[in-house]
Amino acid sequence: MAAASAVRAAGRPSRRLFDIFVAEVPWTVSSKELKEYFSQFGSVQRCQLPFDKDTGFHRRYCWIKFSNPQDVQNVFQKDPHILEGAKLTLKQQPHRRHNQRKNQSE
């Protein structure tokens, strides 16, 4: 059973790999616009903006991955973050060390 869950987890990226969770994203904002906005704070490696399969609209939240920890600190130096008139809600994702993940999977 643990092996099956490990296989499922290997097939999709873990959200723990992302640095910041962003909520309250306006419907009109795309992942490209989010990457452009957050790139003012540093190098954005990835932006994951999930979409609802039924509606075709994004779910109004995303995850942002930066190249280095200083970029993340730069984001949290500024408050508030406003896109298209809406205030974004940001939360830093907890990072787990590699050996902690290994111990939990055993």
PDB file of N, CA and C in Angstrom:
ATOM      1  N   MET A   1       0.828  -1.190   0.000  1.00  0.00           N
ATOM      2  CA  MET A   1       0.000   0.000   0.000  1.00  0.00           C
ATOM      3  C   MET A   1       0.875   1.257   0.000  1.00  0.00           C
ATOM      4  N   ALA A   2       1.944   1.262   0.786  1.00  0.00           N
ATOM      5  CA  ALA A   2       2.846   2.419   0.800  1.00  0.00           C
ATOM      6  C   ALA A   2       3.530   2.575  -0.547  1.00  0.00           C
ATOM      7  N   ALA A   3       3.816   1.453  -1.201  1.00  0.00           N
ATOM      8  CA  ALA A   3       4.463   1.514  -2.514  1.00  0.00           C
ATOM      9  C   ALA A   3       3.536   2.158  -3.542  1.00  0.00           C
ATOM     10  N   ALA A   4       2.233   1.844  -3.472  1.00  0.00           N
ATOM     11  CA  ALA A   4       1.272   2.424  -4.418  1.00  0.00           C
ATOM     12  C   ALA A   4       1.171   3.931  -4.241  1.00  0.00           C
ATOM     13  N   SER A   5       1.160   4.390  -3.001  1.00  0.00           N
ATOM     14  CA  SER A   5       1.081   5.840  -2.778  1.00  0.00           C
ATOM     15  C   SER A   5       2.370   6.525  -3.208  1.00  0.00           C
ATOM     16  N   ALA A   6       3.504   5.844  -3.065  1.00  0.00           N
ATOM     17  CA  ALA A   6       4.772   6.416  -3.512  1.00  0.00           C
ATOM     18  C   ALA A   6       4.794   6.551  -5.030  1.00  0.00           C
ATOM     19  N   VAL A   7       4.215   5.575  -5.729  1.00  0.00           N
ATOM     20  CA  VAL A   7       4.151   5.637  -7.188  1.00  0.00           C
ATOM     21  C   VAL A   7       3.252   6.789  -7.620  1.00  0.00           C
ATOM     22  N   ARG A   8       2.102   6.946  -6.972  1.00  0.00           N
ATOM     23  CA  ARG A   8       1.206   8.065  -7.292  1.00  0.00           C
ATOM     24  C   ARG A   8       1.904   9.391  -7.035  1.00  0.00           C
ATOM     25  N   ALA A   9       2.607   9.503  -5.920  1.00  0.00           N
ATOM     26  CA  ALA A   9       3.298  10.752  -5.582  1.00  0.00           C
ATOM     27  C   ALA A   9       4.409  11.049  -6.583  1.00  0.00           C
ATOM     28  N   ALA A  10       5.059  10.021  -7.078  1.00  0.00           N
ATOM     29  CA  ALA A  10       6.140  10.229  -8.035  1.00  0.00           C
ATOM     30  C   ALA A  10       5.614  10.750  -9.367  1.00  0.00           C
ATOM     31  N   GLY A  11       4.355  10.470  -9.669  1.00  0.00           N
ATOM     32  CA  GLY A  11       3.772  10.892 -10.931  1.00  0.00           C
ATOM     33  C   GLY A  11       3.349  12.344 -10.974  1.00  0.00           C
ATOM     34  N   ARG A  12       3.316  12.999  -9.853  1.00  0.00           N
ATOM     35  CA  ARG A  12       2.911  14.412  -9.833  1.00  0.00           C
ATOM     36  C   ARG A  12       3.867  15.194  -8.954  1.00  0.00           C
ATOM     37  N   PRO A  13       4.096  16.464  -9.291  1.00  0.00           N
ATOM     38  CA  PRO A  13       5.025  17.261  -8.482  1.00  0.00           C
ATOM     39  C   PRO A  13       4.422  17.579  -7.118  1.00  0.00           C
ATOM     40  N   SER A  14       5.237  17.540  -6.100  1.00  0.00           N
ATOM     41  CA  SER A  14       4.781  17.881  -4.755  1.00  0.00           C
ATOM     42  C   SER A  14       4.670  19.389  -4.617  1.00  0.00           C
ATOM     43  N   ARG A  15       3.587  19.838  -4.030  1.00  0.00           N
ATOM     44  CA  ARG A  15       3.415  21.274  -3.833  1.00  0.00           C
ATOM     45  C   ARG A  15       4.388  21.801  -2.789  1.00  0.00           C
ATOM     46  N   ARG A  16       4.986  20.923  -1.999  1.00  0.00           N
ATOM     47  CA  ARG A  16       5.979  21.348  -1.030  1.00  0.00           C
ATOM     48  C   ARG A  16       7.242  21.865  -1.719  1.00  0.00           C
ATOM     49  N   LEU A  17       7.391  21.585  -2.983  1.00  0.00           N
ATOM     50  CA  LEU A  17       8.554  22.060  -3.721  1.00  0.00           C
ATOM     51  C   LEU A  17       8.427  23.539  -4.067  1.00  0.00           C
ATOM     52  N   PHE A  18       7.241  24.079  -3.901  1.00  0.00           N
ATOM     53  CA  PHE A  18       7.011  25.481  -4.203  1.00  0.00           C
ATOM     54  C   PHE A  18       7.288  26.334  -2.974  1.00  0.00           C
ATOM     55  N   ASP A  19       7.673  27.587  -3.211  1.00  0.00           N
ATOM     56  CA  ASP A  19       8.051  28.481  -2.130  1.00  0.00           C
ATOM     57  C   ASP A  19       6.874  29.263  -1.551  1.00  0.00           C
ATOM     58  N   ILE A  20       5.939  29.664  -2.416  1.00  0.00           N
ATOM     59  CA  ILE A  20       4.860  30.540  -1.977  1.00  0.00           C
ATOM     60  C   ILE A  20       3.520  30.038  -2.508  1.00  0.00           C
ATOM     61  N   PHE A  21       2.515  30.057  -1.644  1.00  0.00           N
ATOM     62  CA  PHE A  21       1.133  29.800  -2.029  1.00  0.00           C
ATOM     63  C   PHE A  21       0.447  31.157  -2.141  1.00  0.00           C
ATOM     64  N   VAL A  22      -0.238  31.396  -3.247  1.00  0.00           N
ATOM     65  CA  VAL A  22      -0.912  32.673  -3.486  1.00  0.00           C
ATOM     66  C   VAL A  22      -2.401  32.411  -3.649  1.00  0.00           C
ATOM     67  N   ALA A  23      -3.216  33.092  -2.840  1.00  0.00           N
ATOM     68  CA  ALA A  23      -4.672  32.954  -2.915  1.00  0.00           C
ATOM     69  C   ALA A  23      -5.296  34.284  -3.329  1.00  0.00           C
ATOM     70  N   GLU A  24      -6.575  34.232  -3.649  1.00  0.00           N
ATOM     71  CA  GLU A  24      -7.350  35.414  -4.056  1.00  0.00           C
ATOM     72  C   GLU A  24      -6.845  35.985  -5.380  1.00  0.00           C
ATOM     73  N   VAL A  25      -6.388  35.111  -6.283  1.00  0.00           N
ATOM     74  CA  VAL A  25      -5.926  35.543  -7.597  1.00  0.00           C
ATOM     75  C   VAL A  25      -7.154  35.912  -8.432  1.00  0.00           C
ATOM     76  N   PRO A  26      -7.200  37.110  -9.006  1.00  0.00           N
ATOM     77  CA  PRO A  26      -8.352  37.495  -9.827  1.00  0.00           C
ATOM     78  C   PRO A  26      -8.547  36.549 -11.020  1.00  0.00           C
ATOM     79  N   TRP A  27      -9.796  36.352 -11.409  1.00  0.00           N
ATOM     80  CA  TRP A  27     -10.129  35.455 -12.517  1.00  0.00           C
ATOM     81  C   TRP A  27      -9.423  35.854 -13.805  1.00  0.00           C
ATOM     82  N   THR A  28      -9.169  37.135 -13.967  1.00  0.00           N
ATOM     83  CA  THR A  28      -8.625  37.652 -15.223  1.00  0.00           C
ATOM     84  C   THR A  28      -7.108  37.539 -15.329  1.00  0.00           C
ATOM     85  N   VAL A  29      -6.440  37.077 -14.289  1.00  0.00           N
ATOM     86  CA  VAL A  29      -4.975  36.996 -14.274  1.00  0.00           C
ATOM     87  C   VAL A  29      -4.531  35.611 -14.738  1.00  0.00           C
ATOM     88  N   SER A  30      -3.548  35.581 -15.640  1.00  0.00           N
ATOM     89  CA  SER A  30      -3.017  34.323 -16.162  1.00  0.00           C
ATOM     90  C   SER A  30      -1.714  33.955 -15.444  1.00  0.00           C
ATOM     91  N   SER A  31      -1.242  32.732 -15.663  1.00  0.00           N
ATOM     92  CA  SER A  31       0.028  32.326 -15.055  1.00  0.00           C
ATOM     93  C   SER A  31       1.177  33.167 -15.609  1.00  0.00           C
ATOM     94  N   LYS A  32       1.086  33.567 -16.873  1.00  0.00           N
ATOM     95  CA  LYS A  32       2.120  34.426 -17.456  1.00  0.00           C
ATOM     96  C   LYS A  32       2.175  35.764 -16.719  1.00  0.00           C
ATOM     97  N   GLU A  33       1.017  36.342 -16.422  1.00  0.00           N
ATOM     98  CA  GLU A  33       0.985  37.615 -15.700  1.00  0.00           C
ATOM     99  C   GLU A  33       1.497  37.457 -14.273  1.00  0.00           C
ATOM    100  N   LEU A  34       1.187  36.327 -13.648  1.00  0.00           N
ATOM    101  CA  LEU A  34       1.693  36.066 -12.298  1.00  0.00           C
ATOM    102  C   LEU A  34       3.216  35.953 -12.307  1.00  0.00           C
ATOM    103  N   LYS A  35       3.761  35.245 -13.288  1.00  0.00           N
ATOM    104  CA  LYS A  35       5.214  35.122 -13.397  1.00  0.00           C
ATOM    105  C   LYS A  35       5.857  36.486 -13.625  1.00  0.00           C
ATOM    106  N   GLU A  36       5.246  37.300 -14.471  1.00  0.00           N
ATOM    107  CA  GLU A  36       5.775  38.642 -14.725  1.00  0.00           C
ATOM    108  C   GLU A  36       5.747  39.488 -13.457  1.00  0.00           C
ATOM    109  N   TYR A  37       4.642  39.417 -12.714  1.00  0.00           N
ATOM    110  CA  TYR A  37       4.523  40.205 -11.485  1.00  0.00           C
ATOM    111  C   TYR A  37       5.586  39.784 -10.472  1.00  0.00           C
ATOM    112  N   PHE A  38       5.692  38.495 -10.210  1.00  0.00           N
ATOM    113  CA  PHE A  38       6.610  38.009  -9.181  1.00  0.00           C
ATOM    114  C   PHE A  38       8.070  38.064  -9.615  1.00  0.00           C
ATOM    115  N   SER A  39       8.332  38.202 -10.907  1.00  0.00           N
ATOM    116  CA  SER A  39       9.718  38.287 -11.361  1.00  0.00           C
ATOM    117  C   SER A  39      10.392  39.590 -10.931  1.00  0.00           C
ATOM    118  N   GLN A  40       9.615  40.582 -10.493  1.00  0.00           N
ATOM    119  CA  GLN A  40      10.235  41.802  -9.972  1.00  0.00           C
ATOM    120  C   GLN A  40      10.976  41.537  -8.664  1.00  0.00           C
ATOM    121  N   PHE A  41      10.684  40.409  -8.015  1.00  0.00           N
ATOM    122  CA  PHE A  41      11.317  40.073  -6.738  1.00  0.00           C
ATOM    123  C   PHE A  41      12.479  39.098  -6.901  1.00  0.00           C
ATOM    124  N   GLY A  42      12.587  38.490  -8.075  1.00  0.00           N
ATOM    125  CA  GLY A  42      13.655  37.527  -8.324  1.00  0.00           C
ATOM    126  C   GLY A  42      13.289  36.628  -9.486  1.00  0.00           C
ATOM    127  N   SER A  43      14.076  35.604  -9.676  1.00  0.00           N
ATOM    128  CA  SER A  43      13.889  34.691 -10.801  1.00  0.00           C
ATOM    129  C   SER A  43      12.829  33.636 -10.478  1.00  0.00           C
ATOM    130  N   VAL A  44      11.709  33.698 -11.194  1.00  0.00           N
ATOM    131  CA  VAL A  44      10.626  32.736 -11.003  1.00  0.00           C
ATOM    132  C   VAL A  44      10.921  31.505 -11.857  1.00  0.00           C
ATOM    133  N   GLN A  45      11.048  30.365 -11.205  1.00  0.00           N
ATOM    134  CA  GLN A  45      11.292  29.120 -11.934  1.00  0.00           C
ATOM    135  C   GLN A  45       9.993  28.550 -12.493  1.00  0.00           C
ATOM    136  N   ARG A  46       8.929  28.657 -11.699  1.00  0.00           N
ATOM    137  CA  ARG A  46       7.675  28.010 -12.095  1.00  0.00           C
ATOM    138  C   ARG A  46       6.493  28.665 -11.412  1.00  0.00           C
ATOM    139  N   CYS A  47       5.381  28.684 -12.123  1.00  0.00           N
ATOM    140  CA  CYS A  47       4.107  29.132 -11.567  1.00  0.00           C
ATOM    141  C   CYS A  47       3.071  28.074 -11.916  1.00  0.00           C
ATOM    142  N   GLN A  48       2.440  27.511 -10.904  1.00  0.00           N
ATOM    143  CA  GLN A  48       1.416  26.495 -11.137  1.00  0.00           C
ATOM    144  C   GLN A  48       0.064  27.096 -10.761  1.00  0.00           C
ATOM    145  N   LEU A  49      -0.778  27.291 -11.768  1.00  0.00           N
ATOM    146  CA  LEU A  49      -2.106  27.870 -11.611  1.00  0.00           C
ATOM    147  C   LEU A  49      -3.112  26.805 -12.034  1.00  0.00           C
ATOM    148  N   PRO A  50      -3.697  26.058 -11.083  1.00  0.00           N
ATOM    149  CA  PRO A  50      -4.585  24.949 -11.449  1.00  0.00           C
ATOM    150  C   PRO A  50      -5.932  25.435 -11.989  1.00  0.00           C
ATOM    151  N   PHE A  51      -6.442  24.674 -12.946  1.00  0.00           N
ATOM    152  CA  PHE A  51      -7.728  24.974 -13.556  1.00  0.00           C
ATOM    153  C   PHE A  51      -8.770  23.935 -13.171  1.00  0.00           C
ATOM    154  N   ASP A  52     -10.022  24.364 -13.100  1.00  0.00           N
ATOM    155  CA  ASP A  52     -11.148  23.481 -12.853  1.00  0.00           C
ATOM    156  C   ASP A  52     -11.545  22.851 -14.181  1.00  0.00           C
ATOM    157  N   LYS A  53     -11.579  21.539 -14.260  1.00  0.00           N
ATOM    158  CA  LYS A  53     -11.898  20.845 -15.507  1.00  0.00           C
ATOM    159  C   LYS A  53     -13.337  21.104 -15.958  1.00  0.00           C
ATOM    160  N   ASP A  54     -14.236  21.301 -15.003  1.00  0.00           N
ATOM    161  CA  ASP A  54     -15.646  21.503 -15.356  1.00  0.00           C
ATOM    162  C   ASP A  54     -15.924  22.907 -15.884  1.00  0.00           C
ATOM    163  N   THR A  55     -15.356  23.919 -15.241  1.00  0.00           N
ATOM    164  CA  THR A  55     -15.667  25.299 -15.629  1.00  0.00           C
ATOM    165  C   THR A  55     -14.672  25.870 -16.635  1.00  0.00           C
ATOM    166  N   GLY A  56     -13.445  25.357 -16.644  1.00  0.00           N
ATOM    167  CA  GLY A  56     -12.417  25.904 -17.509  1.00  0.00           C
ATOM    168  C   GLY A  56     -11.723  27.129 -16.932  1.00  0.00           C
ATOM    169  N   PHE A  57     -12.169  27.585 -15.780  1.00  0.00           N
ATOM    170  CA  PHE A  57     -11.552  28.735 -15.108  1.00  0.00           C
ATOM    171  C   PHE A  57     -10.515  28.247 -14.109  1.00  0.00           C
ATOM    172  N   HIS A  58      -9.517  29.112 -13.834  1.00  0.00           N
ATOM    173  CA  HIS A  58      -8.563  28.712 -12.805  1.00  0.00           C
ATOM    174  C   HIS A  58      -9.229  28.830 -11.434  1.00  0.00           C
ATOM    175  N   ARG A  59      -8.606  28.212 -10.465  1.00  0.00           N
ATOM    176  CA  ARG A  59      -9.221  28.085  -9.134  1.00  0.00           C
ATOM    177  C   ARG A  59      -8.909  29.232  -8.181  1.00  0.00           C
ATOM    178  N   ARG A  60      -8.313  30.298  -8.715  1.00  0.00           N
ATOM    179  CA  ARG A  60      -8.044  31.519  -7.964  1.00  0.00           C
ATOM    180  C   ARG A  60      -6.934  31.370  -6.929  1.00  0.00           C
ATOM    181  N   TYR A  61      -6.079  30.371  -7.106  1.00  0.00           N
ATOM    182  CA  TYR A  61      -4.880  30.250  -6.278  1.00  0.00           C
ATOM    183  C   TYR A  61      -3.778  29.646  -7.124  1.00  0.00           C
ATOM    184  N   CYS A  62      -2.539  29.810  -6.660  1.00  0.00           N
ATOM    185  CA  CYS A  62      -1.402  29.254  -7.398  1.00  0.00           C
ATOM    186  C   CYS A  62      -0.239  29.033  -6.454  1.00  0.00           C
ATOM    187  N   TRP A  63       0.798  28.383  -6.986  1.00  0.00           N
ATOM    188  CA  TRP A  63       2.050  28.183  -6.277  1.00  0.00           C
ATOM    189  C   TRP A  63       3.154  28.784  -7.117  1.00  0.00           C
ATOM    190  N   ILE A  64       4.108  29.430  -6.465  1.00  0.00           N
ATOM    191  CA  ILE A  64       5.237  30.068  -7.136  1.00  0.00           C
ATOM    192  C   ILE A  64       6.528  29.451  -6.605  1.00  0.00           C
ATOM    193  N   LYS A  65       7.436  29.122  -7.524  1.00  0.00           N
ATOM    194  CA  LYS A  65       8.754  28.590  -7.176  1.00  0.00           C
ATOM    195  C   LYS A  65       9.815  29.569  -7.654  1.00  0.00           C
ATOM    196  N   PHE A  66      10.676  29.988  -6.738  1.00  0.00           N
ATOM    197  CA  PHE A  66      11.770  30.909  -7.048  1.00  0.00           C
ATOM    198  C   PHE A  66      13.089  30.163  -7.132  1.00  0.00           C
ATOM    199  N   SER A  67      14.089  30.822  -7.726  1.00  0.00           N
ATOM    200  CA  SER A  67      15.416  30.218  -7.891  1.00  0.00           C
ATOM    201  C   SER A  67      16.202  30.131  -6.592  1.00  0.00           C
ATOM    202  N   ASN A  68      15.994  31.111  -5.690  1.00  0.00           N
ATOM    203  CA  ASN A  68      16.747  31.070  -4.438  1.00  0.00           C
ATOM    204  C   ASN A  68      15.936  31.678  -3.293  1.00  0.00           C
ATOM    205  N   PRO A  69      16.305  31.359  -2.062  1.00  0.00           N
ATOM    206  CA  PRO A  69      15.555  31.820  -0.886  1.00  0.00           C
ATOM    207  C   PRO A  69      15.494  33.351  -0.749  1.00  0.00           C
ATOM    208  N   GLN A  70      16.510  34.054  -1.221  1.00  0.00           N
ATOM    209  CA  GLN A  70      16.501  35.519  -1.114  1.00  0.00           C
ATOM    210  C   GLN A  70      15.343  36.114  -1.918  1.00  0.00           C
ATOM    211  N   ASP A  71      15.014  35.510  -3.047  1.00  0.00           N
ATOM    212  CA  ASP A  71      13.895  35.976  -3.857  1.00  0.00           C
ATOM    213  C   ASP A  71      12.581  35.882  -3.072  1.00  0.00           C
ATOM    214  N   VAL A  72      12.442  34.803  -2.316  1.00  0.00           N
ATOM    215  CA  VAL A  72      11.238  34.619  -1.494  1.00  0.00           C
ATOM    216  C   VAL A  72      11.172  35.702  -0.426  1.00  0.00           C
ATOM    217  N   GLN A  73      12.305  35.982   0.211  1.00  0.00           N
ATOM    218  CA  GLN A  73      12.342  37.033   1.229  1.00  0.00           C
ATOM    219  C   GLN A  73      11.985  38.389   0.627  1.00  0.00           C
ATOM    220  N   ASN A  74      12.431  38.631  -0.613  1.00  0.00           N
ATOM    221  CA  ASN A  74      12.091  39.881  -1.298  1.00  0.00           C
ATOM    222  C   ASN A  74      10.581  40.041  -1.461  1.00  0.00           C
ATOM    223  N   VAL A  75       9.893  38.951  -1.756  1.00  0.00           N
ATOM    224  CA  VAL A  75       8.436  38.994  -1.915  1.00  0.00           C
ATOM    225  C   VAL A  75       7.776  39.434  -0.618  1.00  0.00           C
ATOM    226  N   PHE A  76       8.233  38.873   0.500  1.00  0.00           N
ATOM    227  CA  PHE A  76       7.589  39.162   1.780  1.00  0.00           C
ATOM    228  C   PHE A  76       8.012  40.508   2.375  1.00  0.00           C
ATOM    229  N   GLN A  77       8.973  41.182   1.739  1.00  0.00           N
ATOM    230  CA  GLN A  77       9.338  42.537   2.165  1.00  0.00           C
ATOM    231  C   GLN A  77       8.254  43.535   1.764  1.00  0.00           C
ATOM    232  N   LYS A  78       7.508  43.211   0.717  1.00  0.00           N
ATOM    233  CA  LYS A  78       6.468  44.105   0.197  1.00  0.00           C
ATOM    234  C   LYS A  78       5.104  43.630   0.674  1.00  0.00           C
ATOM    235  N   ASP A  79       4.280  44.559   1.071  1.00  0.00           N
ATOM    236  CA  ASP A  79       2.909  44.248   1.450  1.00  0.00           C
ATOM    237  C   ASP A  79       2.096  45.516   1.283  1.00  0.00           C
ATOM    238  N   PRO A  80       0.995  45.531   0.672  1.00  0.00           N
ATOM    239  CA  PRO A  80       0.287  44.399   0.070  1.00  0.00           C
ATOM    240  C   PRO A  80       0.729  44.148  -1.359  1.00  0.00           C
ATOM    241  N   HIS A  81       0.331  42.985  -1.871  1.00  0.00           N
ATOM    242  CA  HIS A  81       0.534  42.631  -3.276  1.00  0.00           C
ATOM    243  C   HIS A  81      -0.833  42.769  -3.947  1.00  0.00           C
ATOM    244  N   ILE A  82      -0.911  43.643  -4.941  1.00  0.00           N
ATOM    245  CA  ILE A  82      -2.191  43.909  -5.598  1.00  0.00           C
ATOM    246  C   ILE A  82      -2.046  43.683  -7.099  1.00  0.00           C
ATOM    247  N   LEU A  83      -2.942  42.864  -7.637  1.00  0.00           N
ATOM    248  CA  LEU A  83      -3.003  42.610  -9.075  1.00  0.00           C
ATOM    249  C   LEU A  83      -4.419  42.905  -9.553  1.00  0.00           C
ATOM    250  N   GLU A  84      -4.528  43.746 -10.552  1.00  0.00           N
ATOM    251  CA  GLU A  84      -5.812  44.128 -11.125  1.00  0.00           C
ATOM    252  C   GLU A  84      -6.824  44.532 -10.047  1.00  0.00           C
ATOM    253  N   GLY A  85      -6.349  45.292  -9.082  1.00  0.00           N
ATOM    254  CA  GLY A  85      -7.213  45.827  -8.043  1.00  0.00           C
ATOM    255  C   GLY A  85      -7.544  44.882  -6.903  1.00  0.00           C
ATOM    256  N   ALA A  86      -7.055  43.644  -6.959  1.00  0.00           N
ATOM    257  CA  ALA A  86      -7.347  42.667  -5.907  1.00  0.00           C
ATOM    258  C   ALA A  86      -6.089  42.400  -5.087  1.00  0.00           C
ATOM    259  N   LYS A  87      -6.271  42.343  -3.766  1.00  0.00           N
ATOM    260  CA  LYS A  87      -5.152  42.053  -2.871  1.00  0.00           C
ATOM    261  C   LYS A  87      -4.934  40.547  -2.820  1.00  0.00           C
ATOM    262  N   LEU A  88      -3.705  40.150  -3.134  1.00  0.00           N
ATOM    263  CA  LEU A  88      -3.337  38.732  -3.079  1.00  0.00           C
ATOM    264  C   LEU A  88      -3.015  38.341  -1.644  1.00  0.00           C
ATOM    265  N   THR A  89      -3.342  37.125  -1.290  1.00  0.00           N
ATOM    266  CA  THR A  89      -2.986  36.569   0.007  1.00  0.00           C
ATOM    267  C   THR A  89      -1.838  35.600  -0.213  1.00  0.00           C
ATOM    268  N   LEU A  90      -0.715  35.841   0.465  1.00  0.00           N
ATOM    269  CA  LEU A  90       0.473  35.010   0.285  1.00  0.00           C
ATOM    270  C   LEU A  90       0.806  34.256   1.558  1.00  0.00           C
ATOM    271  N   LYS A  91       1.275  33.033   1.364  1.00  0.00           N
ATOM    272  CA  LYS A  91       1.717  32.219   2.488  1.00  0.00           C
ATOM    273  C   LYS A  91       2.971  31.484   2.067  1.00  0.00           C
ATOM    274  N   GLN A  92       4.001  31.560   2.900  1.00  0.00           N
ATOM    275  CA  GLN A  92       5.243  30.852   2.589  1.00  0.00           C
ATOM    276  C   GLN A  92       5.043  29.375   2.869  1.00  0.00           C
ATOM    277  N   GLN A  93       5.459  28.543   1.911  1.00  0.00           N
ATOM    278  CA  GLN A  93       5.332  27.102   2.049  1.00  0.00           C
ATOM    279  C   GLN A  93       6.457  26.580   2.930  1.00  0.00           C
ATOM    280  N   PRO A  94       6.145  25.692   3.861  1.00  0.00           N
ATOM    281  CA  PRO A  94       7.214  25.124   4.685  1.00  0.00           C
ATOM    282  C   PRO A  94       8.080  24.195   3.860  1.00  0.00           C
ATOM    283  N   HIS A  95       9.385  24.294   4.038  1.00  0.00           N
ATOM    284  CA  HIS A  95      10.311  23.407   3.340  1.00  0.00           C
ATOM    285  C   HIS A  95      10.696  22.283   4.267  1.00  0.00           C
ATOM    286  N   ARG A  96      10.668  21.075   3.746  1.00  0.00           N
ATOM    287  CA  ARG A  96      11.076  19.914   4.523  1.00  0.00           C
ATOM    288  C   ARG A  96      12.408  19.431   4.003  1.00  0.00           C
ATOM    289  N   ARG A  97      13.260  19.063   4.910  1.00  0.00           N
ATOM    290  CA  ARG A  97      14.565  18.546   4.508  1.00  0.00           C
ATOM    291  C   ARG A  97      14.400  17.166   3.889  1.00  0.00           C
ATOM    292  N   HIS A  98      15.323  16.813   3.028  1.00  0.00           N
ATOM    293  CA  HIS A  98      15.265  15.546   2.300  1.00  0.00           C
ATOM    294  C   HIS A  98      15.152  14.345   3.243  1.00  0.00           C
ATOM    295  N   ASN A  99      15.920  14.332   4.326  1.00  0.00           N
ATOM    296  CA  ASN A  99      15.902  13.163   5.221  1.00  0.00           C
ATOM    297  C   ASN A  99      14.575  13.061   5.973  1.00  0.00           C
ATOM    298  N   GLN A 100      13.855  14.154   6.191  1.00  0.00           N
ATOM    299  CA  GLN A 100      12.547  14.094   6.823  1.00  0.00           C
ATOM    300  C   GLN A 100      11.552  13.413   5.894  1.00  0.00           C
ATOM    301  N   ARG A 101      11.597  13.711   4.602  1.00  0.00           N
ATOM    302  CA  ARG A 101      10.712  13.080   3.643  1.00  0.00           C
ATOM    303  C   ARG A 101      11.000  11.593   3.560  1.00  0.00           C
ATOM    304  N   LYS A 102      12.275  11.224   3.572  1.00  0.00           N
ATOM    305  CA  LYS A 102      12.659   9.821   3.471  1.00  0.00           C
ATOM    306  C   LYS A 102      12.147   9.044   4.677  1.00  0.00           C
ATOM    307  N   ASN A 103      12.283   9.617   5.877  1.00  0.00           N
ATOM    308  CA  ASN A 103      11.831   8.925   7.086  1.00  0.00           C
ATOM    309  C   ASN A 103      10.328   8.733   7.101  1.00  0.00           C
ATOM    310  N   GLN A 104       9.570   9.681   6.576  1.00  0.00           N
ATOM    311  CA  GLN A 104       8.119   9.550   6.571  1.00  0.00           C
ATOM    312  C   GLN A 104       7.646   8.516   5.574  1.00  0.00           C
ATOM    313  N   SER A 105       8.390   8.281   4.502  1.00  0.00           N
ATOM    314  CA  SER A 105       7.961   7.323   3.488  1.00  0.00           C
ATOM    315  C   SER A 105       8.286   5.879   3.867  1.00  0.00           C
ATOM    316  N   GLU A 106       9.102   5.691   4.899  1.00  0.00           N
ATOM    317  CA  GLU A 106       9.487   4.332   5.303  1.00  0.00           C
ATOM    318  C   GLU A 106       8.435   3.711   6.181  1.00  0.00           C
TER     319      GLU A 106
END
